[in-house]
Amino acid sequence: MMKKRTFVATALATALMAAGMHGAAQAQQTFKLTVASSHPATLPWVGLMSTLFIPEVTKRVEALNKGYKIEWKEAYGGQLYKMNATLTSVGSGIADIGWVFANLESAKMPLTQFATVTPFASGDVRMLLEVANQMNESVPALKAEWDRNNVVFLGASGVDTYHLFTKAPIATYADLNGKKISAPGAVGLWLKGSGAVPVDGSLTSYYTDIQTGVSEGTISIATGILPNKIYEVAPYVTTVDIGALYNGGMAMNKDSFGALPPEVQKIIKEVGLMYSKTLGDTLMQRYEAALKSIQTQGASQSVPVKVAPMAPGEREKWATTMPDIAAEWTKANASRGPAAQIVKTYMEELRKRGAKPLRDWDRGL
């Protein structure tokens, strides 16, 4: 069991002094909780922790009228930990609640990577998050991955569909050959078979990596590229619609969660799912606007931003000629749990909701 971090819960009881009054005053308990993230609050999946999750939990806890109070401390943008330490930082109690970047935690959360091995499935992030939340509740093997890292899953996070943002134009799938392309963790698998070289990174590192030549572009998302101004160094935007992605979620230190009263725990989990649903809606609303803003804001720079779709048939070529990364992944993780069944469940649930995957990754598993 990981060392339990100091969790402050002070009880102040006030006795009724006036004669003739009945009952006892409600005890007040104050819980001090730190909410943190490796990424800045300008990104929707972080910003909603501050603008939605915290105030909504506060409101609901106060409405219980049981004398509970939460004192929040917020630390975003890597103040407490960086992108490669999101899981361990929440699990060890550096933060009580934090955004866990599961895409960078394949060693500790191998089965949670199921969405990264099924690209071109759907561009609707709302749908993906709904399925991810359901699966984290109903699939024991997925629940266990959060539990054994000493965290409680609160709500899935994700991102809008992926495109290419590069220093030079990319018109065809073959144009990727030999290019160094930044991608976070397991997303680099999407480059298998293309001849491109994946460079590990995230939205917080892409600008510098591309500027300094560590990479020549990135597979990324419009809602993340825009606030980080990565279009300044990668002005060629090739719309590919590789698909939206479930990438982790908001989680809480298990010891901190266990120290809360059951009714407060219930509120935390309910609002966690509310955060996830709102995030999906927000991303879908912001996606088109972000693409337009990238083009508008980058119009006057030295190399103006150019947005263009991949040449006809090239997206399909990418999806169908890519190695069967889902089958490779399920085989590699066969000893860790029901990897094949997780992929089947995920694809089936997407289809039930109207998705039409460009490739059926569950076929033959």
Protein backbone atom coordinates (compact mmCIF):
# COMPACT_ATOMS: atom_id res chain seq x y z
CA MET A 1 0.00 0.00 0.00
CA MET A 2 1.36 3.35 -0.91
CA LYS A 3 2.11 5.72 1.86
CA LYS A 4 -1.02 7.65 2.67
CA ARG A 5 -0.53 11.35 2.23
CA THR A 6 -1.50 13.75 4.93
CA PHE A 7 -5.21 14.34 4.53
CA VAL A 8 -6.69 17.03 6.70
CA ALA A 9 -10.15 16.62 8.09
CA THR A 10 -10.83 18.81 11.12
CA ALA A 11 -14.02 18.58 13.11
CA LEU A 12 -15.28 21.59 15.03
CA ALA A 13 -18.28 20.96 17.31
CA THR A 14 -20.21 23.87 18.79
CA ALA A 15 -22.42 23.16 21.78
CA LEU A 16 -25.72 24.93 22.09
CA MET A 17 -25.55 27.27 25.02
CA ALA A 18 -28.97 28.82 24.96
CA ALA A 19 -31.42 27.30 27.43
CA GLY A 20 -34.55 25.79 26.00
CA MET A 21 -33.08 25.02 22.56
CA HIS A 22 -33.24 21.43 21.42
CA GLY A 23 -30.83 19.21 19.48
CA ALA A 24 -27.15 19.64 18.79
CA ALA A 25 -25.40 21.89 16.34
CA GLN A 26 -24.17 20.28 13.18
CA ALA A 27 -20.46 19.40 13.36
CA GLN A 28 -18.35 21.01 10.64
CA GLN A 29 -15.76 18.99 8.76
CA THR A 30 -13.30 20.68 6.46
CA PHE A 31 -11.55 18.63 3.80
CA LYS A 32 -8.51 20.11 2.08
CA LEU A 33 -8.10 18.84 -1.47
CA THR A 34 -5.46 19.67 -4.06
CA VAL A 35 -6.43 19.46 -7.72
CA ALA A 36 -3.57 19.44 -10.22
CA SER A 37 -2.54 18.73 -13.79
CA SER A 38 0.58 18.50 -15.92
CA HIS A 39 -1.12 20.59 -18.62
CA PRO A 40 -2.45 24.17 -18.49
CA ALA A 41 -6.04 25.18 -17.80
CA THR A 42 -6.30 26.61 -21.34
CA LEU A 43 -6.90 23.02 -22.48
CA PRO A 44 -10.55 21.93 -22.07
CA TRP A 45 -9.89 18.71 -20.16
CA VAL A 46 -7.93 20.69 -17.56
CA GLY A 47 -9.96 23.90 -17.56
CA LEU A 48 -13.20 22.05 -16.79
CA MET A 49 -11.66 20.69 -13.60
CA SER A 50 -11.54 24.28 -12.37
CA THR A 51 -14.63 25.80 -13.96
CA LEU A 52 -17.05 22.88 -13.62
CA PHE A 53 -15.86 20.09 -11.33
CA ILE A 54 -14.77 22.17 -8.34
CA PRO A 55 -17.75 24.55 -8.17
CA GLU A 56 -20.27 21.78 -8.84
CA VAL A 57 -18.83 19.53 -6.12
CA THR A 58 -18.75 22.50 -3.73
CA LYS A 59 -22.40 23.34 -4.45
CA ARG A 60 -23.60 19.77 -3.99
CA VAL A 61 -21.63 19.22 -0.81
CA GLU A 62 -23.01 22.41 0.72
CA ALA A 63 -26.53 21.34 -0.28
CA LEU A 64 -26.15 18.26 1.93
CA ASN A 65 -26.43 20.60 4.95
CA LYS A 66 -24.22 18.32 7.00
CA GLY A 67 -21.55 20.85 7.87
CA TYR A 68 -19.07 19.60 5.29
CA LYS A 69 -16.72 22.07 3.66
CA ILE A 70 -14.04 21.56 1.03
CA GLU A 71 -11.05 23.86 0.76
CA TRP A 72 -9.56 23.58 -2.70
CA LYS A 73 -6.03 24.22 -3.83
CA GLU A 74 -5.45 24.28 -7.60
CA ALA A 75 -2.12 23.70 -9.31
CA TYR A 76 -2.24 23.35 -13.08
CA GLY A 77 0.29 23.62 -15.87
CA GLY A 78 2.92 21.36 -14.33
CA GLN A 79 3.25 23.22 -11.03
CA LEU A 80 3.37 19.95 -9.08
CA TYR A 81 4.29 17.34 -11.70
CA LYS A 82 5.02 16.93 -15.39
CA MET A 83 3.29 14.94 -18.14
CA ASN A 84 5.31 11.76 -17.48
CA ALA A 85 4.26 11.58 -13.83
CA THR A 86 0.49 12.12 -13.81
CA LEU A 87 -0.46 8.65 -12.57
CA THR A 88 2.21 8.31 -9.89
CA SER A 89 1.63 11.84 -8.63
CA VAL A 90 -2.07 11.25 -7.99
CA GLY A 91 -1.45 7.72 -6.74
CA SER A 92 1.20 8.83 -4.23
CA GLY A 93 -0.87 11.81 -3.05
CA ILE A 94 1.16 14.69 -4.45
CA ALA A 95 -2.30 15.74 -5.62
CA ASP A 96 -5.61 14.48 -4.28
CA ILE A 97 -7.32 14.83 -7.66
CA GLY A 98 -5.63 15.12 -11.02
CA TRP A 99 -5.82 14.52 -14.72
CA VAL A 100 -4.14 11.21 -15.56
CA PHE A 101 -2.58 11.05 -19.02
CA ALA A 102 -3.09 7.32 -19.53
CA ASN A 103 -1.60 7.40 -23.04
CA LEU A 104 1.81 7.83 -21.40
CA GLU A 105 1.23 5.05 -18.87
CA SER A 106 1.23 1.96 -21.07
CA ALA A 107 3.55 0.06 -18.71
CA LYS A 108 1.30 0.55 -15.68
CA MET A 109 -2.03 0.69 -17.51
CA PRO A 110 -1.58 -1.60 -20.53
CA LEU A 111 -5.24 -2.52 -21.04
CA THR A 112 -6.36 1.11 -20.85
CA GLN A 113 -4.59 1.68 -24.18
CA PHE A 114 -7.38 -0.03 -26.15
CA ALA A 115 -8.44 3.19 -27.89
CA THR A 116 -4.94 3.91 -29.16
CA VAL A 117 -4.82 0.64 -31.11
CA THR A 118 -8.15 1.29 -32.84
CA PRO A 119 -7.64 4.49 -34.90
CA PHE A 120 -10.06 5.62 -37.62
CA ALA A 121 -12.95 4.36 -35.45
CA SER A 122 -14.89 7.61 -34.88
CA GLY A 123 -14.31 11.35 -34.84
CA ASP A 124 -17.10 11.86 -32.27
CA VAL A 125 -15.36 12.29 -28.93
CA ARG A 126 -18.71 12.38 -27.10
CA MET A 127 -19.37 8.84 -28.22
CA LEU A 128 -15.91 7.64 -27.25
CA LEU A 129 -16.12 9.09 -23.76
CA GLU A 130 -19.55 7.58 -23.16
CA VAL A 131 -18.20 4.16 -24.09
CA ALA A 132 -15.02 4.64 -22.04
CA ASN A 133 -16.96 5.60 -18.94
CA GLN A 134 -19.19 2.56 -19.35
CA MET A 135 -16.27 0.22 -19.85
CA ASN A 136 -14.32 1.55 -16.85
CA GLU A 137 -17.36 0.71 -14.75
CA SER A 138 -18.29 -2.65 -16.29
CA VAL A 139 -14.96 -4.26 -17.22
CA PRO A 140 -13.19 -5.51 -14.05
CA ALA A 141 -9.77 -5.61 -15.71
CA LEU A 142 -9.97 -1.92 -16.56
CA LYS A 143 -11.17 -0.98 -13.07
CA ALA A 144 -8.29 -2.98 -11.61
CA GLU A 145 -5.67 -0.94 -13.50
CA TRP A 146 -6.79 2.25 -11.77
CA ASP A 147 -7.16 0.50 -8.41
CA ARG A 148 -3.71 -1.05 -8.29
CA ASN A 149 -2.17 2.37 -8.94
CA ASN A 150 -3.96 3.68 -5.85
CA VAL A 151 -6.38 5.90 -7.72
CA VAL A 152 -10.15 6.05 -8.18
CA PHE A 153 -11.38 6.71 -11.72
CA LEU A 154 -13.80 9.66 -11.83
CA GLY A 155 -14.47 10.40 -15.49
CA ALA A 156 -12.97 9.77 -18.90
CA SER A 157 -11.17 12.44 -20.84
CA GLY A 158 -10.43 12.57 -24.51
CA VAL A 159 -9.57 14.76 -27.44
CA ASP A 160 -11.05 15.73 -30.78
CA THR A 161 -10.03 13.96 -33.96
CA TYR A 162 -6.34 13.87 -34.94
CA HIS A 163 -4.75 15.53 -37.94
CA LEU A 164 -1.22 16.24 -39.15
CA PHE A 165 0.52 19.55 -38.34
CA THR A 166 3.89 19.76 -40.10
CA LYS A 167 6.72 22.04 -41.23
CA ALA A 168 6.35 20.89 -44.84
CA PRO A 169 3.24 19.83 -46.78
CA ILE A 170 1.96 16.25 -46.42
CA ALA A 171 -0.44 15.37 -49.25
CA THR A 172 -0.19 11.59 -49.38
CA TYR A 173 0.45 8.72 -47.02
CA ALA A 174 3.79 8.15 -48.76
CA ASP A 175 4.88 11.67 -47.83
CA LEU A 176 5.25 10.53 -44.23
CA ASN A 177 8.12 8.23 -45.12
CA GLY A 178 11.32 9.32 -43.37
CA LYS A 179 9.65 12.14 -41.43
CA LYS A 180 10.13 12.56 -37.68
CA ILE A 181 6.64 13.02 -36.26
CA SER A 182 5.85 13.86 -32.64
CA ALA A 183 3.12 11.78 -31.01
CA PRO A 184 2.22 11.12 -27.36
CA GLY A 185 3.11 7.62 -26.17
CA ALA A 186 1.10 4.87 -27.81
CA VAL A 187 -0.29 7.25 -30.46
CA GLY A 188 3.04 6.70 -32.19
CA LEU A 189 1.66 3.28 -33.19
CA TRP A 190 -0.44 5.03 -35.83
CA LEU A 191 2.75 5.67 -37.79
CA LYS A 192 3.66 1.98 -38.04
CA GLY A 193 4.14 1.00 -41.66
CA SER A 194 4.37 4.59 -42.88
CA GLY A 195 8.14 4.87 -42.68
CA ALA A 196 7.82 7.85 -40.34
CA VAL A 197 9.77 7.95 -37.09
CA PRO A 198 7.60 8.59 -34.00
CA VAL A 199 9.03 11.06 -31.48
CA ASP A 200 7.49 10.87 -28.01
CA GLY A 201 6.08 14.15 -26.70
CA SER A 202 2.96 16.07 -25.81
CA LEU A 203 1.30 19.43 -26.41
CA THR A 204 3.65 21.00 -23.87
CA SER A 205 6.74 19.95 -25.86
CA TYR A 206 5.71 20.02 -29.54
CA TYR A 207 6.49 23.68 -30.20
CA THR A 208 10.10 23.43 -29.04
CA ASP A 209 10.60 19.98 -30.57
CA ILE A 210 9.47 21.15 -34.02
CA GLN A 211 11.25 24.50 -33.75
CA THR A 212 14.57 22.84 -32.87
CA GLY A 213 14.31 19.99 -35.37
CA VAL A 214 13.74 17.19 -32.89
CA SER A 215 10.68 16.47 -35.02
CA GLU A 216 9.20 17.76 -38.28
CA GLY A 217 5.59 17.90 -37.19
CA THR A 218 3.02 16.15 -35.08
CA ILE A 219 -0.11 14.02 -35.13
CA SER A 220 -2.28 16.16 -32.92
CA ILE A 221 -5.57 17.92 -32.23
CA ALA A 222 -6.84 21.34 -33.27
CA THR A 223 -8.07 22.24 -29.77
CA GLY A 224 -4.58 21.67 -28.40
CA ILE A 225 -2.57 23.12 -31.28
CA LEU A 226 -4.44 26.45 -31.13
CA PRO A 227 -3.76 27.58 -27.52
CA ASN A 228 -0.17 26.36 -27.70
CA LYS A 229 0.37 28.20 -31.02
CA ILE A 230 2.11 25.19 -32.52
CA TYR A 231 0.88 26.30 -35.96
CA GLU A 232 3.62 28.96 -35.83
CA VAL A 233 6.25 26.25 -36.33
CA ALA A 234 4.04 23.72 -38.11
CA PRO A 235 1.98 25.78 -40.58
CA TYR A 236 0.86 22.92 -42.84
CA VAL A 237 -2.35 21.34 -41.53
CA THR A 238 -3.38 18.12 -43.27
CA THR A 239 -6.86 17.06 -42.19
CA VAL A 240 -6.91 13.27 -41.93
CA ASP A 241 -9.58 12.55 -39.30
CA ILE A 242 -7.63 9.71 -37.72
CA GLY A 243 -10.26 9.72 -35.00
CA ALA A 244 -11.04 11.14 -31.60
CA LEU A 245 -9.28 9.47 -28.69
CA TYR A 246 -9.99 8.40 -25.12
CA ASN A 247 -6.73 9.32 -23.40
CA GLY A 248 -7.24 8.84 -19.66
CA GLY A 249 -9.29 10.84 -17.23
CA MET A 250 -9.71 12.60 -13.97
CA ALA A 251 -8.84 10.44 -10.98
CA MET A 252 -8.55 10.73 -7.22
CA ASN A 253 -6.01 9.36 -4.78
CA LYS A 254 -7.64 6.28 -3.24
CA ASP A 255 -6.64 7.18 0.32
CA SER A 256 -7.99 10.71 -0.04
CA PHE A 257 -11.19 9.35 -1.52
CA GLY A 258 -11.58 6.81 1.28
CA ALA A 259 -11.28 9.53 3.94
CA LEU A 260 -14.37 11.31 2.64
CA PRO A 261 -17.88 10.57 3.91
CA PRO A 262 -19.82 8.20 1.60
CA GLU A 263 -22.24 10.93 0.50
CA VAL A 264 -19.32 13.15 -0.53
CA GLN A 265 -17.70 10.25 -2.37
CA LYS A 266 -20.93 9.78 -4.29
CA ILE A 267 -20.96 13.46 -5.29
CA ILE A 268 -17.31 13.32 -6.41
CA LYS A 269 -18.04 10.38 -8.70
CA GLU A 270 -21.27 11.83 -10.08
CA VAL A 271 -19.63 15.14 -10.92
CA GLY A 272 -16.67 13.27 -12.42
CA LEU A 273 -19.03 11.77 -15.00
CA MET A 274 -20.63 15.19 -15.50
CA TYR A 275 -17.15 16.58 -16.21
CA SER A 276 -16.60 13.86 -18.81
CA LYS A 277 -19.89 14.47 -20.63
CA THR A 278 -19.36 18.24 -20.63
CA LEU A 279 -15.84 17.74 -21.96
CA GLY A 280 -17.15 15.73 -24.90
CA ASP A 281 -19.73 18.39 -25.73
CA THR A 282 -17.16 21.17 -25.34
CA LEU A 283 -14.61 19.52 -27.60
CA MET A 284 -17.13 18.96 -30.37
CA GLN A 285 -18.18 22.61 -30.16
CA ARG A 286 -14.60 23.89 -30.14
CA TYR A 287 -13.16 21.64 -32.82
CA GLU A 288 -14.35 23.43 -35.97
CA ALA A 289 -13.77 26.84 -34.40
CA ALA A 290 -10.22 25.84 -33.48
CA LEU A 291 -9.39 24.80 -37.04
CA LYS A 292 -10.71 28.11 -38.35
CA SER A 293 -8.83 30.11 -35.71
CA ILE A 294 -5.57 28.34 -36.52
CA GLN A 295 -5.96 29.38 -40.14
CA THR A 296 -7.00 32.95 -39.28
CA GLN A 297 -4.33 33.57 -36.65
CA GLY A 298 -1.63 31.99 -38.77
CA ALA A 299 -2.52 33.85 -41.96
CA SER A 300 -0.04 36.70 -41.45
CA GLN A 301 2.96 34.75 -40.18
CA SER A 302 6.09 34.30 -42.31
CA VAL A 303 4.86 30.93 -43.58
CA PRO A 304 1.06 31.28 -43.59
CA VAL A 305 -1.01 28.41 -42.26
CA LYS A 306 -2.48 26.23 -44.98
CA VAL A 307 -5.29 23.77 -44.17
CA ALA A 308 -5.96 21.04 -46.75
CA PRO A 309 -7.37 17.51 -46.68
CA MET A 310 -5.19 14.53 -47.41
CA ALA A 311 -5.43 13.58 -51.08
CA PRO A 312 -8.45 11.43 -52.04
CA GLY A 313 -8.05 7.78 -51.09
CA GLU A 314 -4.95 8.41 -48.96
CA ARG A 315 -6.82 8.32 -45.63
CA GLU A 316 -8.25 4.92 -46.57
CA LYS A 317 -4.78 3.76 -47.64
CA TRP A 318 -3.39 4.78 -44.25
CA ALA A 319 -6.09 2.89 -42.37
CA THR A 320 -6.04 -0.28 -44.43
CA THR A 321 -2.29 -0.67 -44.98
CA MET A 322 -1.35 -0.04 -41.36
CA PRO A 323 -0.22 -3.25 -39.62
CA ASP A 324 -2.92 -4.87 -37.49
CA ILE A 325 -1.89 -2.98 -34.37
CA ALA A 326 -4.98 -4.13 -32.48
CA ALA A 327 -4.13 -7.81 -33.03
CA GLU A 328 -0.50 -7.18 -32.12
CA TRP A 329 -1.60 -5.39 -28.96
CA THR A 330 -4.05 -8.08 -27.87
CA LYS A 331 -1.40 -10.77 -28.39
CA ALA A 332 1.19 -8.80 -26.40
CA ASN A 333 -1.27 -8.27 -23.55
CA ALA A 334 -2.92 -11.69 -23.54
CA SER A 335 -1.34 -12.61 -20.21
CA ARG A 336 -2.47 -9.38 -18.55
CA GLY A 337 -6.19 -9.76 -19.03
CA PRO A 338 -8.99 -9.91 -21.60
CA ALA A 339 -7.34 -7.61 -24.15
CA ALA A 340 -9.12 -9.10 -27.18
CA GLN A 341 -12.52 -8.90 -25.50
CA ILE A 342 -11.88 -5.28 -24.55
CA VAL A 343 -11.25 -4.36 -28.20
CA LYS A 344 -14.36 -6.29 -29.27
CA THR A 345 -16.49 -4.59 -26.63
CA TYR A 346 -15.18 -1.15 -27.55
CA MET A 347 -15.82 -1.56 -31.28
CA GLU A 348 -19.26 -3.10 -30.71
CA GLU A 349 -20.31 -0.29 -28.39
CA LEU A 350 -19.19 2.32 -30.92
CA ARG A 351 -21.16 0.66 -33.70
CA LYS A 352 -24.25 0.49 -31.46
CA ARG A 353 -24.04 4.26 -31.21
CA GLY A 354 -23.82 4.75 -34.95
CA ALA A 355 -20.08 4.79 -35.57
CA LYS A 356 -18.81 3.48 -38.90
CA PRO A 357 -15.14 2.59 -38.36
CA LEU A 358 -12.90 2.83 -41.41
CA ARG A 359 -11.32 -0.44 -40.28
CA ASP A 360 -12.87 -3.21 -38.15
CA TRP A 361 -10.08 -3.80 -35.68
CA ASP A 362 -12.02 -6.52 -33.87
CA ARG A 363 -12.36 -8.70 -36.96
CA GLY A 364 -10.50 -11.97 -36.48
CA LEU A 365 -9.68 -11.47 -32.77
